[in-house]
Amino acid sequence: MIFLRRESLKQYIRWYPVTSIWIVINLVVFGLMELYGSSTNSETLIRFGAMYHTPFWNPELWRYITSVFVHIGGMHLIMNSFFLYVFAPPLERMLGSFKYAIFYLLSGVAGNLVSQWMASSYSVSAGASGAIYGIFGAYLYLSLYHKYMLDRQSQQTVYTMLAIGVVFSLIMPQINLSAHLGGLAGGFLLMAATAPLWRNKRGR
């Protein structure tokens, strides 16, 4: 089971430096938002890099990345940081820290692109969910096309988490389903596109 985290904090930081950095950035940005306003206030969210949709203005391009590190409320931060802490490390070890960092950011951008495309009214959105679903998209690709890379229990965990995530995204109105699906599709396609690189490296 690759998703069981048995490392000490020191080992975790050393083995998964990029994931550790992502979590720290999430915490720091959240703390600053609470210090200068509120993480649930639209003006504060936009000031710190959240995405927004209006009929008259398009968000700046840099927001497609910065919004990945902005969270709306404490529970949003805790949930995303937990999923990142548990599920991201195996992918960082598999791809290598640099490629994983690019993969994570591109998955987040994919989620934001789909979210922005599907938005029909004024809205503010933020969070790492799109990037995290990109991670699950990578595992879904491996589960379907490279089963030897994931044990059965890990494969079942991926399917279960995706099923639960889709259900919650449908029944909870404040959850950005389009960002989740965009990130999932982005991660799946990115993993498929880079498969020849890591597959040849392993001699398969």
N, C-alpha and C. Protein backbone atom coordinates (compact mmCIF):
# COMPACT_ATOMS: atom_id res chain seq x y z
N MET A 1 0.85 -1.19 0.00
CA MET A 1 0.00 0.00 0.00
C MET A 1 0.88 1.25 0.00
N ILE A 2 0.92 1.96 -1.12
CA ILE A 2 1.88 3.05 -1.26
C ILE A 2 1.41 4.34 -0.56
N PHE A 3 0.17 4.37 -0.11
CA PHE A 3 -0.36 5.59 0.48
C PHE A 3 -0.28 5.63 2.01
N LEU A 4 0.31 4.61 2.61
CA LEU A 4 0.51 4.63 4.06
C LEU A 4 1.77 5.43 4.36
N ARG A 5 1.62 6.46 5.17
CA ARG A 5 2.74 7.35 5.49
C ARG A 5 3.35 6.94 6.83
N ARG A 6 4.48 6.27 6.76
CA ARG A 6 5.17 5.81 7.96
C ARG A 6 6.44 6.62 8.25
N GLU A 7 6.72 7.61 7.40
CA GLU A 7 7.95 8.38 7.56
C GLU A 7 7.86 9.32 8.76
N SER A 8 9.01 9.60 9.34
CA SER A 8 9.07 10.67 10.33
C SER A 8 8.98 11.99 9.59
N LEU A 9 8.74 13.07 10.30
CA LEU A 9 8.65 14.38 9.66
C LEU A 9 9.96 14.73 8.95
N LYS A 10 11.07 14.41 9.59
CA LYS A 10 12.37 14.69 8.99
C LYS A 10 12.55 13.90 7.69
N GLN A 11 12.18 12.63 7.70
CA GLN A 11 12.27 11.81 6.50
C GLN A 11 11.33 12.32 5.41
N TYR A 12 10.13 12.69 5.81
CA TYR A 12 9.14 13.18 4.84
C TYR A 12 9.67 14.40 4.10
N ILE A 13 10.22 15.35 4.83
CA ILE A 13 10.73 16.57 4.21
C ILE A 13 11.90 16.26 3.28
N ARG A 14 12.75 15.33 3.69
CA ARG A 14 13.92 15.00 2.88
C ARG A 14 13.53 14.22 1.63
N TRP A 15 12.59 13.30 1.74
CA TRP A 15 12.20 12.46 0.61
C TRP A 15 11.22 13.13 -0.34
N TYR A 16 10.39 14.02 0.20
CA TYR A 16 9.36 14.66 -0.62
C TYR A 16 9.44 16.18 -0.46
N PRO A 17 10.52 16.80 -0.92
CA PRO A 17 10.73 18.23 -0.67
C PRO A 17 9.69 19.13 -1.33
N VAL A 18 9.26 18.79 -2.55
CA VAL A 18 8.31 19.66 -3.24
C VAL A 18 6.94 19.62 -2.58
N THR A 19 6.48 18.41 -2.25
CA THR A 19 5.20 18.30 -1.54
C THR A 19 5.25 19.04 -0.22
N SER A 20 6.36 18.95 0.48
CA SER A 20 6.51 19.67 1.75
C SER A 20 6.42 21.18 1.51
N ILE A 21 7.04 21.66 0.44
CA ILE A 21 6.99 23.09 0.11
C ILE A 21 5.57 23.52 -0.21
N TRP A 22 4.85 22.70 -0.98
CA TRP A 22 3.46 23.04 -1.32
C TRP A 22 2.62 23.21 -0.05
N ILE A 23 2.77 22.28 0.89
CA ILE A 23 1.98 22.35 2.12
C ILE A 23 2.33 23.59 2.93
N VAL A 24 3.60 23.91 3.02
CA VAL A 24 4.03 25.10 3.76
C VAL A 24 3.47 26.36 3.10
N ILE A 25 3.54 26.44 1.77
CA ILE A 25 2.99 27.61 1.07
C ILE A 25 1.50 27.75 1.36
N ASN A 26 0.77 26.64 1.31
CA ASN A 26 -0.67 26.67 1.63
C ASN A 26 -0.90 27.26 3.01
N LEU A 27 -0.12 26.81 3.99
CA LEU A 27 -0.30 27.27 5.37
C LEU A 27 0.06 28.74 5.53
N VAL A 28 1.15 29.15 4.90
CA VAL A 28 1.60 30.55 5.02
C VAL A 28 0.59 31.50 4.37
N VAL A 29 0.14 31.15 3.16
CA VAL A 29 -0.83 32.01 2.47
C VAL A 29 -2.12 32.11 3.27
N PHE A 30 -2.56 30.99 3.82
CA PHE A 30 -3.79 31.00 4.63
C PHE A 30 -3.60 31.89 5.86
N GLY A 31 -2.47 31.76 6.53
CA GLY A 31 -2.20 32.58 7.70
C GLY A 31 -2.19 34.06 7.38
N LEU A 32 -1.58 34.42 6.25
CA LEU A 32 -1.55 35.82 5.84
C LEU A 32 -2.94 36.34 5.52
N MET A 33 -3.76 35.52 4.88
CA MET A 33 -5.13 35.94 4.57
C MET A 33 -5.92 36.20 5.85
N GLU A 34 -5.76 35.33 6.82
CA GLU A 34 -6.47 35.51 8.09
C GLU A 34 -5.95 36.75 8.83
N LEU A 35 -4.65 37.04 8.65
CA LEU A 35 -4.05 38.18 9.32
C LEU A 35 -4.52 39.50 8.71
N TYR A 36 -4.65 39.55 7.39
CA TYR A 36 -4.97 40.79 6.70
C TYR A 36 -6.45 40.91 6.32
N GLY A 37 -7.24 39.91 6.62
CA GLY A 37 -8.66 39.98 6.30
C GLY A 37 -9.35 38.72 6.75
N SER A 38 -9.78 37.92 5.79
CA SER A 38 -10.41 36.63 6.10
C SER A 38 -10.30 35.74 4.87
N SER A 39 -10.05 34.48 5.10
CA SER A 39 -9.92 33.54 3.98
C SER A 39 -11.26 33.23 3.34
N THR A 40 -12.34 33.73 3.90
CA THR A 40 -13.66 33.54 3.30
C THR A 40 -14.21 34.82 2.69
N ASN A 41 -13.43 35.89 2.73
CA ASN A 41 -13.83 37.17 2.16
C ASN A 41 -13.37 37.27 0.72
N SER A 42 -14.28 37.60 -0.19
CA SER A 42 -13.95 37.62 -1.62
C SER A 42 -12.83 38.59 -1.95
N GLU A 43 -12.84 39.77 -1.35
CA GLU A 43 -11.81 40.76 -1.64
C GLU A 43 -10.44 40.25 -1.19
N THR A 44 -10.38 39.64 -0.03
CA THR A 44 -9.11 39.09 0.46
C THR A 44 -8.63 37.96 -0.44
N LEU A 45 -9.53 37.09 -0.84
CA LEU A 45 -9.17 35.98 -1.71
C LEU A 45 -8.59 36.48 -3.03
N ILE A 46 -9.24 37.45 -3.63
CA ILE A 46 -8.76 37.99 -4.91
C ILE A 46 -7.43 38.70 -4.72
N ARG A 47 -7.27 39.41 -3.62
CA ARG A 47 -6.01 40.09 -3.33
C ARG A 47 -4.85 39.11 -3.24
N PHE A 48 -5.12 37.90 -2.71
CA PHE A 48 -4.05 36.93 -2.52
C PHE A 48 -3.91 35.94 -3.68
N GLY A 49 -4.65 36.16 -4.77
CA GLY A 49 -4.40 35.37 -5.97
C GLY A 49 -5.46 34.40 -6.40
N ALA A 50 -6.66 34.49 -5.81
CA ALA A 50 -7.73 33.56 -6.21
C ALA A 50 -8.20 33.85 -7.62
N MET A 51 -8.84 32.87 -8.23
CA MET A 51 -9.48 33.05 -9.52
C MET A 51 -10.80 33.78 -9.34
N TYR A 52 -11.25 34.47 -10.37
CA TYR A 52 -12.58 35.07 -10.33
C TYR A 52 -13.17 35.06 -11.74
N HIS A 53 -14.48 35.11 -11.79
CA HIS A 53 -15.17 35.16 -13.08
C HIS A 53 -16.22 36.25 -13.02
N THR A 54 -16.16 37.17 -13.97
CA THR A 54 -17.18 38.20 -14.12
C THR A 54 -17.49 38.34 -15.61
N PRO A 55 -18.63 38.92 -15.95
CA PRO A 55 -18.95 39.11 -17.36
C PRO A 55 -18.07 40.14 -18.05
N PHE A 56 -17.34 40.95 -17.28
CA PHE A 56 -16.64 42.09 -17.86
C PHE A 56 -15.12 41.99 -17.85
N TRP A 57 -14.55 41.24 -16.91
CA TRP A 57 -13.10 41.15 -16.80
C TRP A 57 -12.64 39.70 -16.78
N ASN A 58 -11.52 39.45 -17.40
CA ASN A 58 -10.89 38.14 -17.34
C ASN A 58 -9.78 38.17 -16.31
N PRO A 59 -9.60 37.09 -15.55
CA PRO A 59 -8.54 37.07 -14.53
C PRO A 59 -7.15 37.11 -15.16
N GLU A 60 -6.21 37.70 -14.45
CA GLU A 60 -4.83 37.72 -14.92
C GLU A 60 -4.29 36.29 -15.03
N LEU A 61 -3.40 36.07 -15.97
CA LEU A 61 -2.90 34.72 -16.24
C LEU A 61 -2.21 34.11 -15.01
N TRP A 62 -1.53 34.93 -14.22
CA TRP A 62 -0.81 34.39 -13.07
C TRP A 62 -1.73 33.77 -12.04
N ARG A 63 -3.00 34.15 -12.05
CA ARG A 63 -3.94 33.59 -11.09
C ARG A 63 -4.21 32.11 -11.32
N TYR A 64 -3.99 31.63 -12.53
CA TYR A 64 -4.20 30.21 -12.81
C TYR A 64 -3.24 29.35 -11.99
N ILE A 65 -2.13 29.93 -11.55
CA ILE A 65 -1.17 29.22 -10.69
C ILE A 65 -1.34 29.62 -9.23
N THR A 66 -1.42 30.93 -8.96
CA THR A 66 -1.46 31.37 -7.55
C THR A 66 -2.70 30.86 -6.83
N SER A 67 -3.81 30.72 -7.54
CA SER A 67 -5.04 30.27 -6.89
C SER A 67 -4.93 28.85 -6.35
N VAL A 68 -3.97 28.08 -6.87
CA VAL A 68 -3.76 26.71 -6.38
C VAL A 68 -3.34 26.72 -4.91
N PHE A 69 -2.73 27.82 -4.46
CA PHE A 69 -2.20 27.89 -3.09
C PHE A 69 -3.09 28.72 -2.16
N VAL A 70 -4.26 29.10 -2.64
CA VAL A 70 -5.20 29.89 -1.85
C VAL A 70 -6.38 29.00 -1.46
N HIS A 71 -6.79 29.06 -0.19
CA HIS A 71 -7.89 28.22 0.28
C HIS A 71 -8.96 29.04 0.99
N ILE A 72 -10.20 28.58 0.84
CA ILE A 72 -11.36 29.30 1.35
C ILE A 72 -11.83 28.64 2.65
N GLY A 73 -11.37 29.14 3.77
CA GLY A 73 -11.76 28.59 5.06
C GLY A 73 -10.82 27.50 5.54
N GLY A 74 -10.83 27.29 6.85
CA GLY A 74 -9.92 26.34 7.47
C GLY A 74 -10.13 24.91 7.04
N MET A 75 -11.39 24.48 6.90
CA MET A 75 -11.66 23.10 6.53
C MET A 75 -11.14 22.79 5.12
N HIS A 76 -11.28 23.76 4.22
CA HIS A 76 -10.77 23.61 2.86
C HIS A 76 -9.26 23.38 2.88
N LEU A 77 -8.58 24.18 3.68
CA LEU A 77 -7.13 24.05 3.81
C LEU A 77 -6.74 22.71 4.40
N ILE A 78 -7.40 22.30 5.48
CA ILE A 78 -7.07 21.05 6.16
C ILE A 78 -7.27 19.85 5.25
N MET A 79 -8.40 19.82 4.56
CA MET A 79 -8.69 18.68 3.69
C MET A 79 -7.69 18.57 2.55
N ASN A 80 -7.42 19.68 1.88
CA ASN A 80 -6.50 19.63 0.75
C ASN A 80 -5.07 19.32 1.20
N SER A 81 -4.67 19.88 2.33
CA SER A 81 -3.32 19.60 2.84
C SER A 81 -3.19 18.14 3.25
N PHE A 82 -4.25 17.58 3.82
CA PHE A 82 -4.23 16.16 4.19
C PHE A 82 -4.08 15.27 2.96
N PHE A 83 -4.90 15.52 1.94
CA PHE A 83 -4.81 14.71 0.72
C PHE A 83 -3.45 14.86 0.06
N LEU A 84 -2.92 16.07 0.09
CA LEU A 84 -1.60 16.31 -0.49
C LEU A 84 -0.54 15.54 0.30
N TYR A 85 -0.62 15.60 1.62
CA TYR A 85 0.34 14.94 2.49
C TYR A 85 0.35 13.42 2.28
N VAL A 86 -0.83 12.84 2.11
CA VAL A 86 -0.94 11.38 2.02
C VAL A 86 -0.69 10.86 0.61
N PHE A 87 -1.29 11.49 -0.39
CA PHE A 87 -1.32 10.88 -1.72
C PHE A 87 -0.26 11.39 -2.69
N ALA A 88 0.32 12.55 -2.44
CA ALA A 88 1.30 13.09 -3.38
C ALA A 88 2.68 12.43 -3.33
N PRO A 89 3.18 12.00 -2.16
CA PRO A 89 4.55 11.49 -2.09
C PRO A 89 4.93 10.39 -3.09
N PRO A 90 4.10 9.35 -3.29
CA PRO A 90 4.52 8.32 -4.25
C PRO A 90 4.74 8.86 -5.66
N LEU A 91 3.92 9.85 -6.05
CA LEU A 91 4.09 10.42 -7.40
C LEU A 91 5.34 11.26 -7.48
N GLU A 92 5.68 11.97 -6.41
CA GLU A 92 6.92 12.75 -6.41
C GLU A 92 8.13 11.83 -6.52
N ARG A 93 8.12 10.70 -5.82
CA ARG A 93 9.23 9.75 -5.92
C ARG A 93 9.28 9.14 -7.31
N MET A 94 8.14 8.88 -7.91
CA MET A 94 8.08 8.24 -9.22
C MET A 94 8.59 9.16 -10.34
N LEU A 95 8.14 10.41 -10.33
CA LEU A 95 8.49 11.34 -11.40
C LEU A 95 9.80 12.08 -11.14
N GLY A 96 10.19 12.18 -9.89
CA GLY A 96 11.29 13.06 -9.54
C GLY A 96 10.73 14.42 -9.16
N SER A 97 11.38 15.12 -8.27
CA SER A 97 10.82 16.34 -7.70
C SER A 97 10.53 17.41 -8.74
N PHE A 98 11.45 17.62 -9.68
CA PHE A 98 11.25 18.70 -10.66
C PHE A 98 10.06 18.40 -11.58
N LYS A 99 10.02 17.19 -12.16
CA LYS A 99 8.92 16.84 -13.06
C LYS A 99 7.59 16.82 -12.31
N TYR A 100 7.64 16.36 -11.08
CA TYR A 100 6.42 16.34 -10.26
C TYR A 100 5.92 17.75 -10.01
N ALA A 101 6.81 18.70 -9.74
CA ALA A 101 6.41 20.08 -9.51
C ALA A 101 5.70 20.65 -10.74
N ILE A 102 6.26 20.40 -11.92
CA ILE A 102 5.64 20.87 -13.16
C ILE A 102 4.29 20.19 -13.34
N PHE A 103 4.24 18.89 -13.10
CA PHE A 103 2.99 18.13 -13.24
C PHE A 103 1.91 18.71 -12.33
N TYR A 104 2.25 18.97 -11.09
CA TYR A 104 1.29 19.48 -10.11
C TYR A 104 0.73 20.83 -10.55
N LEU A 105 1.61 21.74 -10.96
CA LEU A 105 1.17 23.06 -11.36
C LEU A 105 0.31 23.01 -12.63
N LEU A 106 0.71 22.19 -13.59
CA LEU A 106 -0.07 22.07 -14.83
C LEU A 106 -1.44 21.46 -14.57
N SER A 107 -1.51 20.52 -13.64
CA SER A 107 -2.81 19.94 -13.28
C SER A 107 -3.71 21.01 -12.66
N GLY A 108 -3.12 21.84 -11.80
CA GLY A 108 -3.89 22.93 -11.21
C GLY A 108 -4.37 23.92 -12.25
N VAL A 109 -3.51 24.24 -13.21
CA VAL A 109 -3.89 25.14 -14.30
C VAL A 109 -5.02 24.52 -15.13
N ALA A 110 -4.93 23.22 -15.40
CA ALA A 110 -5.99 22.55 -16.16
C ALA A 110 -7.32 22.65 -15.45
N GLY A 111 -7.31 22.44 -14.14
CA GLY A 111 -8.54 22.56 -13.37
C GLY A 111 -9.10 23.97 -13.43
N ASN A 112 -8.24 24.98 -13.34
CA ASN A 112 -8.70 26.36 -13.40
C ASN A 112 -9.22 26.74 -14.78
N LEU A 113 -8.58 26.21 -15.81
CA LEU A 113 -9.04 26.49 -17.18
C LEU A 113 -10.46 25.97 -17.40
N VAL A 114 -10.70 24.74 -16.98
CA VAL A 114 -12.04 24.16 -17.15
C VAL A 114 -13.05 24.89 -16.27
N SER A 115 -12.65 25.24 -15.05
CA SER A 115 -13.54 25.97 -14.15
C SER A 115 -13.93 27.31 -14.75
N GLN A 116 -12.93 28.02 -15.30
CA GLN A 116 -13.20 29.32 -15.89
C GLN A 116 -14.09 29.19 -17.13
N TRP A 117 -13.86 28.16 -17.90
CA TRP A 117 -14.64 27.93 -19.12
C TRP A 117 -16.10 27.61 -18.80
N MET A 118 -16.32 26.88 -17.69
CA MET A 118 -17.67 26.45 -17.33
C MET A 118 -18.42 27.48 -16.50
N ALA A 119 -17.72 28.47 -15.94
CA ALA A 119 -18.37 29.46 -15.08
C ALA A 119 -19.36 30.29 -15.88
N SER A 120 -20.52 30.55 -15.30
CA SER A 120 -21.56 31.29 -16.01
C SER A 120 -22.00 32.56 -15.29
N SER A 121 -21.51 32.78 -14.10
CA SER A 121 -21.89 33.97 -13.34
C SER A 121 -20.71 34.41 -12.50
N TYR A 122 -20.89 35.51 -11.76
CA TYR A 122 -19.81 36.00 -10.91
C TYR A 122 -19.43 34.94 -9.87
N SER A 123 -18.15 34.67 -9.77
CA SER A 123 -17.70 33.67 -8.81
C SER A 123 -16.24 33.91 -8.45
N VAL A 124 -15.85 33.44 -7.28
CA VAL A 124 -14.46 33.43 -6.83
C VAL A 124 -14.12 32.01 -6.48
N SER A 125 -13.01 31.51 -6.99
CA SER A 125 -12.63 30.12 -6.73
C SER A 125 -11.14 30.04 -6.42
N ALA A 126 -10.79 29.03 -5.64
CA ALA A 126 -9.39 28.84 -5.24
C ALA A 126 -9.24 27.45 -4.65
N GLY A 127 -7.99 27.03 -4.52
CA GLY A 127 -7.70 25.78 -3.84
C GLY A 127 -6.84 24.84 -4.65
N ALA A 128 -6.27 23.88 -3.95
CA ALA A 128 -5.37 22.89 -4.56
C ALA A 128 -6.11 21.69 -5.13
N SER A 129 -7.45 21.70 -5.06
CA SER A 129 -8.21 20.51 -5.45
C SER A 129 -7.95 20.07 -6.88
N GLY A 130 -7.86 21.04 -7.81
CA GLY A 130 -7.60 20.67 -9.20
C GLY A 130 -6.27 19.94 -9.35
N ALA A 131 -5.23 20.46 -8.68
CA ALA A 131 -3.92 19.81 -8.73
C ALA A 131 -3.95 18.44 -8.06
N ILE A 132 -4.68 18.34 -6.95
CA ILE A 132 -4.78 17.06 -6.25
C ILE A 132 -5.53 16.04 -7.08
N TYR A 133 -6.60 16.47 -7.75
CA TYR A 133 -7.29 15.57 -8.66
C TYR A 133 -6.39 15.18 -9.83
N GLY A 134 -5.47 16.07 -10.20
CA GLY A 134 -4.49 15.71 -11.21
C GLY A 134 -3.62 14.54 -10.76
N ILE A 135 -3.25 14.54 -9.47
CA ILE A 135 -2.49 13.43 -8.90
C ILE A 135 -3.29 12.14 -8.99
N PHE A 136 -4.58 12.22 -8.64
CA PHE A 136 -5.43 11.04 -8.76
C PHE A 136 -5.61 10.63 -10.22
N GLY A 137 -5.61 11.61 -11.13
CA GLY A 137 -5.67 11.29 -12.56
C GLY A 137 -4.46 10.49 -13.00
N ALA A 138 -3.29 10.83 -12.45
CA ALA A 138 -2.08 10.08 -12.76
C ALA A 138 -2.18 8.65 -12.26
N TYR A 139 -2.67 8.49 -11.03
CA TYR A 139 -2.83 7.15 -10.48
C TYR A 139 -3.90 6.36 -11.23
N LEU A 140 -4.94 7.03 -11.68
CA LEU A 140 -5.98 6.35 -12.46
C LEU A 140 -5.39 5.82 -13.76
N TYR A 141 -4.56 6.61 -14.41
CA TYR A 141 -3.90 6.16 -15.64
C TYR A 141 -3.04 4.93 -15.36
N LEU A 142 -2.28 4.97 -14.29
CA LEU A 142 -1.43 3.83 -13.94
C LEU A 142 -2.28 2.60 -13.62
N SER A 143 -3.39 2.80 -12.91
CA SER A 143 -4.26 1.68 -12.53
C SER A 143 -4.86 1.00 -13.76
N LEU A 144 -5.11 1.78 -14.80
CA LEU A 144 -5.76 1.24 -15.99
C LEU A 144 -4.76 0.65 -17.00
N TYR A 145 -3.59 1.28 -17.13
CA TYR A 145 -2.68 0.91 -18.20
C TYR A 145 -1.32 0.38 -17.75
N HIS A 146 -0.97 0.57 -16.50
CA HIS A 146 0.30 0.07 -15.99
C HIS A 146 0.09 -0.49 -14.59
N LYS A 147 -0.72 -1.51 -14.50
CA LYS A 147 -1.13 -2.06 -13.21
C LYS A 147 0.05 -2.53 -12.36
N TYR A 148 1.14 -2.90 -13.00
CA TYR A 148 2.28 -3.41 -12.26
C TYR A 148 2.90 -2.36 -11.34
N MET A 149 2.56 -1.08 -11.57
CA MET A 149 3.17 -0.01 -10.78
C MET A 149 2.40 0.29 -9.49
N LEU A 150 1.18 -0.25 -9.37
CA LEU A 150 0.38 -0.03 -8.18
C LEU A 150 -0.13 -1.37 -7.66
N ASP A 151 0.01 -1.61 -6.37
CA ASP A 151 -0.55 -2.82 -5.80
C ASP A 151 -2.07 -2.73 -5.80
N ARG A 152 -2.73 -3.88 -5.64
CA ARG A 152 -4.20 -3.92 -5.75
C ARG A 152 -4.88 -3.00 -4.72
N GLN A 153 -4.36 -3.00 -3.50
CA GLN A 153 -4.97 -2.18 -2.46
C GLN A 153 -4.88 -0.69 -2.81
N SER A 154 -3.75 -0.29 -3.38
CA SER A 154 -3.58 1.10 -3.79
C SER A 154 -4.53 1.44 -4.93
N GLN A 155 -4.69 0.51 -5.88
CA GLN A 155 -5.63 0.74 -6.97
C GLN A 155 -7.05 0.91 -6.45
N GLN A 156 -7.46 0.07 -5.52
CA GLN A 156 -8.79 0.17 -4.96
C GLN A 156 -8.97 1.48 -4.19
N THR A 157 -7.93 1.93 -3.53
CA THR A 157 -7.99 3.21 -2.82
C THR A 157 -8.22 4.35 -3.80
N VAL A 158 -7.53 4.32 -4.93
CA VAL A 158 -7.71 5.36 -5.95
C VAL A 158 -9.15 5.38 -6.44
N TYR A 159 -9.69 4.22 -6.79
CA TYR A 159 -11.07 4.15 -7.28
C TYR A 159 -12.06 4.64 -6.23
N THR A 160 -11.84 4.24 -4.98
CA THR A 160 -12.74 4.64 -3.90
C THR A 160 -12.70 6.14 -3.66
N MET A 161 -11.50 6.71 -3.62
CA MET A 161 -11.37 8.14 -3.38
C MET A 161 -11.99 8.95 -4.51
N LEU A 162 -11.82 8.49 -5.74
CA LEU A 162 -12.43 9.20 -6.87
C LEU A 162 -13.95 9.13 -6.81
N ALA A 163 -14.48 7.96 -6.47
CA ALA A 163 -15.93 7.80 -6.38
C ALA A 163 -16.50 8.72 -5.29
N ILE A 164 -15.85 8.73 -4.13
CA ILE A 164 -16.30 9.58 -3.03
C ILE A 164 -16.19 11.05 -3.42
N GLY A 165 -15.09 11.40 -4.08
CA GLY A 165 -14.88 12.78 -4.49
C GLY A 165 -15.95 13.26 -5.46
N VAL A 166 -16.31 12.43 -6.42
CA VAL A 166 -17.34 12.82 -7.39
C VAL A 166 -18.69 12.99 -6.71
N VAL A 167 -19.03 12.07 -5.80
CA VAL A 167 -20.31 12.16 -5.09
C VAL A 167 -20.38 13.46 -4.28
N PHE A 168 -19.32 13.74 -3.52
CA PHE A 168 -19.32 14.95 -2.71
C PHE A 168 -19.35 16.21 -3.58
N SER A 169 -18.66 16.15 -4.72
CA SER A 169 -18.66 17.30 -5.62
C SER A 169 -20.05 17.58 -6.18
N LEU A 170 -20.86 16.53 -6.30
CA LEU A 170 -22.21 16.68 -6.84
C LEU A 170 -23.21 17.16 -5.79
N ILE A 171 -23.04 16.71 -4.55
CA ILE A 171 -24.05 17.03 -3.53
C ILE A 171 -23.71 18.28 -2.72
N MET A 172 -22.45 18.74 -2.79
CA MET A 172 -22.05 19.93 -2.05
C MET A 172 -21.96 21.10 -3.03
N PRO A 173 -22.86 22.06 -2.97
CA PRO A 173 -22.92 23.11 -3.98
C PRO A 173 -21.70 24.03 -4.01
N GLN A 174 -20.98 24.16 -2.89
CA GLN A 174 -19.84 25.05 -2.85
C GLN A 174 -18.57 24.43 -3.43
N ILE A 175 -18.62 23.15 -3.77
CA ILE A 175 -17.46 22.48 -4.34
C ILE A 175 -17.41 22.72 -5.85
N ASN A 176 -16.23 23.03 -6.35
CA ASN A 176 -16.05 23.35 -7.77
C ASN A 176 -15.83 22.06 -8.56
N LEU A 177 -16.92 21.46 -9.02
CA LEU A 177 -16.84 20.18 -9.73
C LEU A 177 -16.05 20.31 -11.02
N SER A 178 -16.22 21.40 -11.75
CA SER A 178 -15.53 21.54 -13.03
C SER A 178 -14.01 21.62 -12.83
N ALA A 179 -13.56 22.26 -11.75
CA ALA A 179 -12.12 22.31 -11.47
C ALA A 179 -11.59 20.93 -11.13
N HIS A 180 -12.38 20.15 -10.40
CA HIS A 180 -11.97 18.79 -10.05
C HIS A 180 -11.85 17.93 -11.31
N LEU A 181 -12.86 17.99 -12.16
CA LEU A 181 -12.84 17.17 -13.38
C LEU A 181 -11.74 17.64 -14.33
N GLY A 182 -11.52 18.95 -14.39
CA GLY A 182 -10.45 19.47 -15.23
C GLY A 182 -9.08 19.02 -14.76
N GLY A 183 -8.87 19.07 -13.44
CA GLY A 183 -7.60 18.59 -12.89
C GLY A 183 -7.42 17.11 -13.11
N LEU A 184 -8.49 16.34 -12.91
CA LEU A 184 -8.43 14.89 -13.11
C LEU A 184 -8.05 14.56 -14.54
N ALA A 185 -8.73 15.19 -15.50
CA ALA A 185 -8.44 14.95 -16.91
C ALA A 185 -7.03 15.41 -17.27
N GLY A 186 -6.63 16.57 -16.71
CA GLY A 186 -5.29 17.08 -16.98
C GLY A 186 -4.21 16.15 -16.48
N GLY A 187 -4.37 15.64 -15.24
CA GLY A 187 -3.39 14.71 -14.70
C GLY A 187 -3.32 13.42 -15.47
N PHE A 188 -4.49 12.91 -15.87
CA PHE A 188 -4.55 11.67 -16.65
C PHE A 188 -3.81 11.84 -17.97
N LEU A 189 -4.09 12.93 -18.69
CA LEU A 189 -3.47 13.16 -19.99
C LEU A 189 -1.97 13.46 -19.87
N LEU A 190 -1.59 14.20 -18.83
CA LEU A 190 -0.17 14.47 -18.62
C LEU A 190 0.60 13.19 -18.35
N MET A 191 0.02 12.30 -17.55
CA MET A 191 0.67 11.03 -17.25
C MET A 191 0.78 10.18 -18.51
N ALA A 192 -0.28 10.19 -19.32
CA ALA A 192 -0.25 9.43 -20.57
C ALA A 192 0.82 9.99 -21.51
N ALA A 193 0.94 11.31 -21.56
CA ALA A 193 1.89 11.94 -22.47
C ALA A 193 3.34 11.68 -22.07
N THR A 194 3.59 11.57 -20.76
CA THR A 194 4.97 11.36 -20.29
C THR A 194 5.28 9.89 -20.03
N ALA A 195 4.31 9.02 -20.27
CA ALA A 195 4.51 7.59 -20.00
C ALA A 195 5.75 7.00 -20.67
N PRO A 196 6.02 7.33 -21.95
CA PRO A 196 7.22 6.74 -22.58
C PRO A 196 8.50 7.05 -21.85
N LEU A 197 8.57 8.19 -21.19
CA LEU A 197 9.81 8.57 -20.49
C LEU A 197 10.08 7.68 -19.30
N TRP A 198 9.10 7.58 -18.37
CA TRP A 198 9.37 6.77 -17.18
C TRP A 198 9.23 5.28 -17.47
N ARG A 199 8.44 4.90 -18.51
CA ARG A 199 8.29 3.48 -18.84
C ARG A 199 9.60 2.94 -19.40
N ASN A 200 10.23 3.70 -20.32
CA ASN A 200 11.50 3.25 -20.88
C ASN A 200 12.59 3.23 -19.82
N LYS A 201 12.50 4.16 -18.88
CA LYS A 201 13.49 4.23 -17.80
C LYS A 201 13.46 2.96 -16.96
N ARG A 202 12.25 2.34 -16.87
CA ARG A 202 12.10 1.12 -16.07
C ARG A 202 12.22 -0.13 -16.92
N GLY A 203 12.46 0.06 -18.23
CA GLY A 203 12.66 -1.10 -19.08
C GLY A 203 11.41 -1.88 -19.40
N ARG A 204 10.24 -1.22 -19.33
CA ARG A 204 8.98 -1.91 -19.64
C ARG A 204 8.48 -1.48 -21.00
